[in-house]
Amino acid sequence: MGRDYDQIEQVVRVGILIAETERDVERLRTEPFVRPMADIPLAGTPAQVTGTLQRIVRQGADRLTVNFADAPRPDGTLLFAETVLPNL
């Protein structure tokens, strides 16, 4: 009874803090405009974020819903769009 599990679209919500270097990520963690890291489980460079998101997709995610720790500032969103999105 009910729906076939494989027919259910798997959507994963991921909070992201992204910066060019690990040093920049660590610096951003301390900025007052960045959301608390307890809400943002994925922090790293473009390569690190890409690798983690690719694993999530391989594990069965059909869609990703992302939010950025530095929003509404555009830096993280733009970096993600330029460096991560093309690799997903």
PDB file of N, CA and C in Angstrom:
ATOM      1  N   MET A   1       0.847  -1.166   0.000  1.00  0.00           N
ATOM      2  CA  MET A   1       0.000   0.000   0.000  1.00  0.00           C
ATOM      3  C   MET A   1       0.896   1.234   0.000  1.00  0.00           C
ATOM      4  N   GLY A   2       0.435   2.289  -0.617  1.00  0.00           N
ATOM      5  CA  GLY A   2       1.224   3.504  -0.664  1.00  0.00           C
ATOM      6  C   GLY A   2       2.059   3.576  -1.931  1.00  0.00           C
ATOM      7  N   ARG A   3       2.933   4.548  -1.962  1.00  0.00           N
ATOM      8  CA  ARG A   3       3.761   4.766  -3.153  1.00  0.00           C
ATOM      9  C   ARG A   3       5.005   3.907  -3.131  1.00  0.00           C
ATOM     10  N   ASP A   4       5.441   3.560  -4.320  1.00  0.00           N
ATOM     11  CA  ASP A   4       6.706   2.852  -4.487  1.00  0.00           C
ATOM     12  C   ASP A   4       7.831   3.830  -4.112  1.00  0.00           C
ATOM     13  N   TYR A   5       8.704   3.411  -3.212  1.00  0.00           N
ATOM     14  CA  TYR A   5       9.774   4.283  -2.727  1.00  0.00           C
ATOM     15  C   TYR A   5      10.600   4.844  -3.880  1.00  0.00           C
ATOM     16  N   ASP A   6      10.877   4.033  -4.891  1.00  0.00           N
ATOM     17  CA  ASP A   6      11.705   4.484  -6.013  1.00  0.00           C
ATOM     18  C   ASP A   6      11.031   5.561  -6.857  1.00  0.00           C
ATOM     19  N   GLN A   7       9.735   5.740  -6.691  1.00  0.00           N
ATOM     20  CA  GLN A   7       9.006   6.769  -7.427  1.00  0.00           C
ATOM     21  C   GLN A   7       9.001   8.113  -6.695  1.00  0.00           C
ATOM     22  N   ILE A   8       9.487   8.125  -5.470  1.00  0.00           N
ATOM     23  CA  ILE A   8       9.515   9.356  -4.678  1.00  0.00           C
ATOM     24  C   ILE A   8      10.785  10.132  -5.005  1.00  0.00           C
ATOM     25  N   GLU A   9      10.624  11.391  -5.383  1.00  0.00           N
ATOM     26  CA  GLU A   9      11.783  12.222  -5.695  1.00  0.00           C
ATOM     27  C   GLU A   9      12.526  12.557  -4.403  1.00  0.00           C
ATOM     28  N   GLN A  10      13.808  12.256  -4.383  1.00  0.00           N
ATOM     29  CA  GLN A  10      14.633  12.485  -3.202  1.00  0.00           C
ATOM     30  C   GLN A  10      15.264  13.878  -3.287  1.00  0.00           C
ATOM     31  N   VAL A  11      14.864  14.748  -2.382  1.00  0.00           N
ATOM     32  CA  VAL A  11      15.361  16.120  -2.351  1.00  0.00           C
ATOM     33  C   VAL A  11      16.190  16.293  -1.082  1.00  0.00           C
ATOM     34  N   VAL A  12      17.411  16.786  -1.240  1.00  0.00           N
ATOM     35  CA  VAL A  12      18.313  16.992  -0.109  1.00  0.00           C
ATOM     36  C   VAL A  12      18.564  18.490   0.037  1.00  0.00           C
ATOM     37  N   ARG A  13      18.378  18.996   1.244  1.00  0.00           N
ATOM     38  CA  ARG A  13      18.651  20.405   1.555  1.00  0.00           C
ATOM     39  C   ARG A  13      20.049  20.497   2.151  1.00  0.00           C
ATOM     40  N   VAL A  14      20.858  21.402   1.607  1.00  0.00           N
ATOM     41  CA  VAL A  14      22.242  21.536   2.058  1.00  0.00           C
ATOM     42  C   VAL A  14      22.574  23.006   2.275  1.00  0.00           C
ATOM     43  N   GLY A  15      23.076  23.323   3.455  1.00  0.00           N
ATOM     44  CA  GLY A  15      23.607  24.649   3.731  1.00  0.00           C
ATOM     45  C   GLY A  15      25.078  24.668   3.353  1.00  0.00           C
ATOM     46  N   ILE A  16      25.507  25.718   2.680  1.00  0.00           N
ATOM     47  CA  ILE A  16      26.868  25.768   2.135  1.00  0.00           C
ATOM     48  C   ILE A  16      27.568  27.069   2.508  1.00  0.00           C
ATOM     49  N   LEU A  17      28.823  26.930   2.906  1.00  0.00           N
ATOM     50  CA  LEU A  17      29.743  28.061   3.029  1.00  0.00           C
ATOM     51  C   LEU A  17      30.894  27.735   2.095  1.00  0.00           C
ATOM     52  N   ILE A  18      31.084  28.538   1.082  1.00  0.00           N
ATOM     53  CA  ILE A  18      32.092  28.260   0.065  1.00  0.00           C
ATOM     54  C   ILE A  18      32.983  29.477  -0.127  1.00  0.00           C
ATOM     55  N   ALA A  19      34.283  29.211  -0.307  1.00  0.00           N
ATOM     56  CA  ALA A  19      35.254  30.269  -0.587  1.00  0.00           C
ATOM     57  C   ALA A  19      36.396  29.660  -1.393  1.00  0.00           C
ATOM     58  N   GLU A  20      37.184  30.507  -2.005  1.00  0.00           N
ATOM     59  CA  GLU A  20      38.276  30.054  -2.878  1.00  0.00           C
ATOM     60  C   GLU A  20      39.292  29.165  -2.164  1.00  0.00           C
ATOM     61  N   THR A  21      39.625  29.507  -0.917  1.00  0.00           N
ATOM     62  CA  THR A  21      40.643  28.750  -0.186  1.00  0.00           C
ATOM     63  C   THR A  21      40.112  28.337   1.182  1.00  0.00           C
ATOM     64  N   GLU A  22      40.760  27.331   1.770  1.00  0.00           N
ATOM     65  CA  GLU A  22      40.378  26.910   3.121  1.00  0.00           C
ATOM     66  C   GLU A  22      40.580  28.046   4.117  1.00  0.00           C
ATOM     67  N   ARG A  23      41.605  28.822   3.906  1.00  0.00           N
ATOM     68  CA  ARG A  23      41.862  29.969   4.791  1.00  0.00           C
ATOM     69  C   ARG A  23      40.697  30.966   4.727  1.00  0.00           C
ATOM     70  N   ASP A  24      40.198  31.207   3.520  1.00  0.00           N
ATOM     71  CA  ASP A  24      39.053  32.108   3.366  1.00  0.00           C
ATOM     72  C   ASP A  24      37.796  31.533   4.019  1.00  0.00           C
ATOM     73  N   VAL A  25      37.618  30.226   3.932  1.00  0.00           N
ATOM     74  CA  VAL A  25      36.472  29.582   4.590  1.00  0.00           C
ATOM     75  C   VAL A  25      36.553  29.815   6.097  1.00  0.00           C
ATOM     76  N   GLU A  26      37.719  29.590   6.661  1.00  0.00           N
ATOM     77  CA  GLU A  26      37.892  29.781   8.108  1.00  0.00           C
ATOM     78  C   GLU A  26      37.653  31.231   8.508  1.00  0.00           C
ATOM     79  N   ARG A  27      38.112  32.160   7.690  1.00  0.00           N
ATOM     80  CA  ARG A  27      37.887  33.584   7.977  1.00  0.00           C
ATOM     81  C   ARG A  27      36.396  33.902   7.934  1.00  0.00           C
ATOM     82  N   LEU A  28      35.707  33.378   6.928  1.00  0.00           N
ATOM     83  CA  LEU A  28      34.273  33.645   6.803  1.00  0.00           C
ATOM     84  C   LEU A  28      33.479  33.117   7.989  1.00  0.00           C
ATOM     85  N   ARG A  29      33.918  31.996   8.553  1.00  0.00           N
ATOM     86  CA  ARG A  29      33.206  31.413   9.701  1.00  0.00           C
ATOM     87  C   ARG A  29      33.061  32.412  10.851  1.00  0.00           C
ATOM     88  N   THR A  30      33.985  33.359  10.947  1.00  0.00           N
ATOM     89  CA  THR A  30      33.981  34.307  12.063  1.00  0.00           C
ATOM     90  C   THR A  30      33.260  35.617  11.741  1.00  0.00           C
ATOM     91  N   GLU A  31      32.848  35.784  10.500  1.00  0.00           N
ATOM     92  CA  GLU A  31      32.186  37.030  10.103  1.00  0.00           C
ATOM     93  C   GLU A  31      30.774  37.093  10.687  1.00  0.00           C
ATOM     94  N   PRO A  32      30.367  38.272  11.159  1.00  0.00           N
ATOM     95  CA  PRO A  32      29.044  38.393  11.782  1.00  0.00           C
ATOM     96  C   PRO A  32      27.880  38.173  10.811  1.00  0.00           C
ATOM     97  N   PHE A  33      28.105  38.355   9.517  1.00  0.00           N
ATOM     98  CA  PHE A  33      27.016  38.198   8.552  1.00  0.00           C
ATOM     99  C   PHE A  33      26.807  36.742   8.120  1.00  0.00           C
ATOM    100  N   VAL A  34      27.688  35.847   8.538  1.00  0.00           N
ATOM    101  CA  VAL A  34      27.571  34.432   8.167  1.00  0.00           C
ATOM    102  C   VAL A  34      26.702  33.713   9.192  1.00  0.00           C
ATOM    103  N   ARG A  35      25.776  32.911   8.700  1.00  0.00           N
ATOM    104  CA  ARG A  35      24.891  32.146   9.589  1.00  0.00           C
ATOM    105  C   ARG A  35      25.709  31.207  10.463  1.00  0.00           C
ATOM    106  N   PRO A  36      25.167  30.837  11.618  1.00  0.00           N
ATOM    107  CA  PRO A  36      25.877  29.901  12.507  1.00  0.00           C
ATOM    108  C   PRO A  36      26.187  28.588  11.789  1.00  0.00           C
ATOM    109  N   MET A  37      27.375  28.065  12.021  1.00  0.00           N
ATOM    110  CA  MET A  37      27.813  26.876  11.300  1.00  0.00           C
ATOM    111  C   MET A  37      27.001  25.639  11.655  1.00  0.00           C
ATOM    112  N   ALA A  38      26.289  25.645  12.758  1.00  0.00           N
ATOM    113  CA  ALA A  38      25.421  24.508  13.074  1.00  0.00           C
ATOM    114  C   ALA A  38      24.343  24.358  12.005  1.00  0.00           C
ATOM    115  N   ASP A  39      24.000  25.456  11.353  1.00  0.00           N
ATOM    116  CA  ASP A  39      23.000  25.438  10.284  1.00  0.00           C
ATOM    117  C   ASP A  39      23.614  25.158   8.913  1.00  0.00           C
ATOM    118  N   ILE A  40      24.929  25.168   8.825  1.00  0.00           N
ATOM    119  CA  ILE A  40      25.624  25.047   7.544  1.00  0.00           C
ATOM    120  C   ILE A  40      26.601  23.869   7.618  1.00  0.00           C
ATOM    121  N   PRO A  41      26.143  22.680   7.267  1.00  0.00           N
ATOM    122  CA  PRO A  41      26.990  21.499   7.432  1.00  0.00           C
ATOM    123  C   PRO A  41      28.096  21.345   6.397  1.00  0.00           C
ATOM    124  N   LEU A  42      28.027  22.066   5.284  1.00  0.00           N
ATOM    125  CA  LEU A  42      29.010  21.889   4.222  1.00  0.00           C
ATOM    126  C   LEU A  42      29.790  23.179   4.027  1.00  0.00           C
ATOM    127  N   ALA A  43      31.060  23.153   4.384  1.00  0.00           N
ATOM    128  CA  ALA A  43      31.923  24.319   4.228  1.00  0.00           C
ATOM    129  C   ALA A  43      33.210  23.876   3.566  1.00  0.00           C
ATOM    130  N   GLY A  44      33.659  24.653   2.578  1.00  0.00           N
ATOM    131  CA  GLY A  44      34.908  24.300   1.938  1.00  0.00           C
ATOM    132  C   GLY A  44      35.165  25.078   0.668  1.00  0.00           C
ATOM    133  N   THR A  45      36.200  24.629  -0.023  1.00  0.00           N
ATOM    134  CA  THR A  45      36.584  25.210  -1.302  1.00  0.00           C
ATOM    135  C   THR A  45      35.654  24.665  -2.385  1.00  0.00           C
ATOM    136  N   PRO A  46      35.696  25.236  -3.578  1.00  0.00           N
ATOM    137  CA  PRO A  46      34.866  24.692  -4.652  1.00  0.00           C
ATOM    138  C   PRO A  46      35.091  23.196  -4.893  1.00  0.00           C
ATOM    139  N   ALA A  47      36.327  22.753  -4.865  1.00  0.00           N
ATOM    140  CA  ALA A  47      36.600  21.325  -5.084  1.00  0.00           C
ATOM    141  C   ALA A  47      36.000  20.467  -3.976  1.00  0.00           C
ATOM    142  N   GLN A  48      36.105  20.916  -2.739  1.00  0.00           N
ATOM    143  CA  GLN A  48      35.554  20.157  -1.615  1.00  0.00           C
ATOM    144  C   GLN A  48      34.029  20.107  -1.677  1.00  0.00           C
ATOM    145  N   VAL A  49      33.413  21.240  -1.962  1.00  0.00           N
ATOM    146  CA  VAL A  49      31.954  21.296  -2.047  1.00  0.00           C
ATOM    147  C   VAL A  49      31.467  20.433  -3.212  1.00  0.00           C
ATOM    148  N   THR A  50      32.147  20.523  -4.351  1.00  0.00           N
ATOM    149  CA  THR A  50      31.775  19.708  -5.510  1.00  0.00           C
ATOM    150  C   THR A  50      31.840  18.229  -5.172  1.00  0.00           C
ATOM    151  N   GLY A  51      32.929  17.795  -4.556  1.00  0.00           N
ATOM    152  CA  GLY A  51      33.084  16.383  -4.206  1.00  0.00           C
ATOM    153  C   GLY A  51      31.984  15.890  -3.285  1.00  0.00           C
ATOM    154  N   THR A  52      31.653  16.671  -2.282  1.00  0.00           N
ATOM    155  CA  THR A  52      30.604  16.271  -1.342  1.00  0.00           C
ATOM    156  C   THR A  52      29.248  16.200  -2.035  1.00  0.00           C
ATOM    157  N   LEU A  53      28.931  17.186  -2.844  1.00  0.00           N
ATOM    158  CA  LEU A  53      27.638  17.183  -3.527  1.00  0.00           C
ATOM    159  C   LEU A  53      27.551  16.061  -4.560  1.00  0.00           C
ATOM    160  N   GLN A  54      28.648  15.752  -5.224  1.00  0.00           N
ATOM    161  CA  GLN A  54      28.643  14.625  -6.163  1.00  0.00           C
ATOM    162  C   GLN A  54      28.367  13.313  -5.427  1.00  0.00           C
ATOM    163  N   ARG A  55      28.913  13.152  -4.235  1.00  0.00           N
ATOM    164  CA  ARG A  55      28.636  11.944  -3.435  1.00  0.00           C
ATOM    165  C   ARG A  55      27.160  11.875  -3.048  1.00  0.00           C
ATOM    166  N   ILE A  56      26.591  13.008  -2.671  1.00  0.00           N
ATOM    167  CA  ILE A  56      25.173  13.047  -2.304  1.00  0.00           C
ATOM    168  C   ILE A  56      24.309  12.630  -3.498  1.00  0.00           C
ATOM    169  N   VAL A  57      24.648  13.115  -4.676  1.00  0.00           N
ATOM    170  CA  VAL A  57      23.893  12.751  -5.880  1.00  0.00           C
ATOM    171  C   VAL A  57      24.065  11.260  -6.180  1.00  0.00           C
ATOM    172  N   ARG A  58      25.291  10.752  -6.064  1.00  0.00           N
ATOM    173  CA  ARG A  58      25.526   9.314  -6.308  1.00  0.00           C
ATOM    174  C   ARG A  58      24.747   8.444  -5.326  1.00  0.00           C
ATOM    175  N   GLN A  59      24.521   8.959  -4.128  1.00  0.00           N
ATOM    176  CA  GLN A  59      23.785   8.196  -3.114  1.00  0.00           C
ATOM    177  C   GLN A  59      22.276   8.241  -3.340  1.00  0.00           C
ATOM    178  N   GLY A  60      21.832   8.970  -4.362  1.00  0.00           N
ATOM    179  CA  GLY A  60      20.425   8.908  -4.701  1.00  0.00           C
ATOM    180  C   GLY A  60      19.633  10.194  -4.682  1.00  0.00           C
ATOM    181  N   ALA A  61      20.266  11.317  -4.416  1.00  0.00           N
ATOM    182  CA  ALA A  61      19.519  12.579  -4.428  1.00  0.00           C
ATOM    183  C   ALA A  61      19.115  12.923  -5.861  1.00  0.00           C
ATOM    184  N   ASP A  62      17.840  13.214  -6.048  1.00  0.00           N
ATOM    185  CA  ASP A  62      17.352  13.637  -7.359  1.00  0.00           C
ATOM    186  C   ASP A  62      17.484  15.143  -7.534  1.00  0.00           C
ATOM    187  N   ARG A  63      17.373  15.861  -6.428  1.00  0.00           N
ATOM    188  CA  ARG A  63      17.482  17.321  -6.436  1.00  0.00           C
ATOM    189  C   ARG A  63      18.223  17.780  -5.195  1.00  0.00           C
ATOM    190  N   LEU A  64      18.887  18.908  -5.354  1.00  0.00           N
ATOM    191  CA  LEU A  64      19.540  19.555  -4.217  1.00  0.00           C
ATOM    192  C   LEU A  64      18.894  20.923  -4.027  1.00  0.00           C
ATOM    193  N   THR A  65      18.582  21.237  -2.792  1.00  0.00           N
ATOM    194  CA  THR A  65      18.135  22.577  -2.441  1.00  0.00           C
ATOM    195  C   THR A  65      19.235  23.159  -1.574  1.00  0.00           C
ATOM    196  N   VAL A  66      19.854  24.230  -2.044  1.00  0.00           N
ATOM    197  CA  VAL A  66      20.992  24.782  -1.317  1.00  0.00           C
ATOM    198  C   VAL A  66      20.662  26.169  -0.787  1.00  0.00           C
ATOM    199  N   ASN A  67      21.265  26.481   0.343  1.00  0.00           N
ATOM    200  CA  ASN A  67      21.237  27.849   0.843  1.00  0.00           C
ATOM    201  C   ASN A  67      22.660  28.193   1.266  1.00  0.00           C
ATOM    202  N   PHE A  68      22.979  29.458   1.191  1.00  0.00           N
ATOM    203  CA  PHE A  68      24.354  29.892   1.399  1.00  0.00           C
ATOM    204  C   PHE A  68      24.496  30.668   2.698  1.00  0.00           C
ATOM    205  N   ALA A  69      25.534  30.331   3.435  1.00  0.00           N
ATOM    206  CA  ALA A  69      25.763  30.918   4.752  1.00  0.00           C
ATOM    207  C   ALA A  69      26.004  32.417   4.686  1.00  0.00           C
ATOM    208  N   ASP A  70      26.510  32.894   3.563  1.00  0.00           N
ATOM    209  CA  ASP A  70      26.816  34.321   3.455  1.00  0.00           C
ATOM    210  C   ASP A  70      25.709  35.123   2.760  1.00  0.00           C
ATOM    211  N   ALA A  71      24.576  34.485   2.476  1.00  0.00           N
ATOM    212  CA  ALA A  71      23.455  35.203   1.844  1.00  0.00           C
ATOM    213  C   ALA A  71      22.934  36.281   2.797  1.00  0.00           C
ATOM    214  N   PRO A  72      22.532  37.412   2.303  1.00  0.00           N
ATOM    215  CA  PRO A  72      22.231  37.740   0.919  1.00  0.00           C
ATOM    216  C   PRO A  72      23.423  38.282   0.129  1.00  0.00           C
ATOM    217  N   ARG A  73      24.606  38.245   0.700  1.00  0.00           N
ATOM    218  CA  ARG A  73      25.781  38.651  -0.074  1.00  0.00           C
ATOM    219  C   ARG A  73      25.954  37.666  -1.229  1.00  0.00           C
ATOM    220  N   PRO A  74      26.355  38.134  -2.397  1.00  0.00           N
ATOM    221  CA  PRO A  74      26.377  37.257  -3.567  1.00  0.00           C
ATOM    222  C   PRO A  74      27.632  36.402  -3.731  1.00  0.00           C
ATOM    223  N   ASP A  75      28.666  36.632  -2.939  1.00  0.00           N
ATOM    224  CA  ASP A  75      29.956  35.986  -3.190  1.00  0.00           C
ATOM    225  C   ASP A  75      29.873  34.462  -3.247  1.00  0.00           C
ATOM    226  N   GLY A  76      29.292  33.846  -2.235  1.00  0.00           N
ATOM    227  CA  GLY A  76      29.211  32.386  -2.204  1.00  0.00           C
ATOM    228  C   GLY A  76      28.351  31.834  -3.317  1.00  0.00           C
ATOM    229  N   THR A  77      27.241  32.492  -3.578  1.00  0.00           N
ATOM    230  CA  THR A  77      26.334  32.044  -4.635  1.00  0.00           C
ATOM    231  C   THR A  77      27.015  32.109  -5.996  1.00  0.00           C
ATOM    232  N   LEU A  78      27.708  33.199  -6.263  1.00  0.00           N
ATOM    233  CA  LEU A  78      28.391  33.349  -7.550  1.00  0.00           C
ATOM    234  C   LEU A  78      29.520  32.338  -7.701  1.00  0.00           C
ATOM    235  N   LEU A  79      30.307  32.150  -6.654  1.00  0.00           N
ATOM    236  CA  LEU A  79      31.398  31.178  -6.712  1.00  0.00           C
ATOM    237  C   LEU A  79      30.841  29.775  -6.959  1.00  0.00           C
ATOM    238  N   PHE A  80      29.761  29.431  -6.285  1.00  0.00           N
ATOM    239  CA  PHE A  80      29.105  28.139  -6.472  1.00  0.00           C
ATOM    240  C   PHE A  80      28.639  27.981  -7.921  1.00  0.00           C
ATOM    241  N   ALA A  81      27.990  29.010  -8.444  1.00  0.00           N
ATOM    242  CA  ALA A  81      27.462  28.951  -9.812  1.00  0.00           C
ATOM    243  C   ALA A  81      28.574  28.790 -10.843  1.00  0.00           C
ATOM    244  N   GLU A  82      29.701  29.431 -10.598  1.00  0.00           N
ATOM    245  CA  GLU A  82      30.807  29.395 -11.559  1.00  0.00           C
ATOM    246  C   GLU A  82      31.648  28.133 -11.463  1.00  0.00           C
ATOM    247  N   THR A  83      31.796  27.582 -10.258  1.00  0.00           N
ATOM    248  CA  THR A  83      32.775  26.505 -10.071  1.00  0.00           C
ATOM    249  C   THR A  83      32.188  25.149  -9.712  1.00  0.00           C
ATOM    250  N   VAL A  84      31.055  25.127  -9.047  1.00  0.00           N
ATOM    251  CA  VAL A  84      30.479  23.854  -8.589  1.00  0.00           C
ATOM    252  C   VAL A  84      29.380  23.376  -9.532  1.00  0.00           C
ATOM    253  N   LEU A  85      28.452  24.244  -9.825  1.00  0.00           N
ATOM    254  CA  LEU A  85      27.281  23.869 -10.622  1.00  0.00           C
ATOM    255  C   LEU A  85      27.635  23.178 -11.941  1.00  0.00           C
ATOM    256  N   PRO A  86      28.643  23.654 -12.681  1.00  0.00           N
ATOM    257  CA  PRO A  86      28.967  22.976 -13.941  1.00  0.00           C
ATOM    258  C   PRO A  86      29.425  21.518 -13.755  1.00  0.00           C
ATOM    259  N   ASN A  87      29.802  21.151 -12.546  1.00  0.00           N
ATOM    260  CA  ASN A  87      30.319  19.803 -12.285  1.00  0.00           C
ATOM    261  C   ASN A  87      29.293  18.867 -11.669  1.00  0.00           C
ATOM    262  N   LEU A  88      28.059  19.313 -11.547  1.00  0.00           N
ATOM    263  CA  LEU A  88      27.025  18.457 -10.956  1.00  0.00           C
ATOM    264  C   LEU A  88      26.134  17.856 -12.028  1.00  0.00           C
TER     265      LEU A  88
END
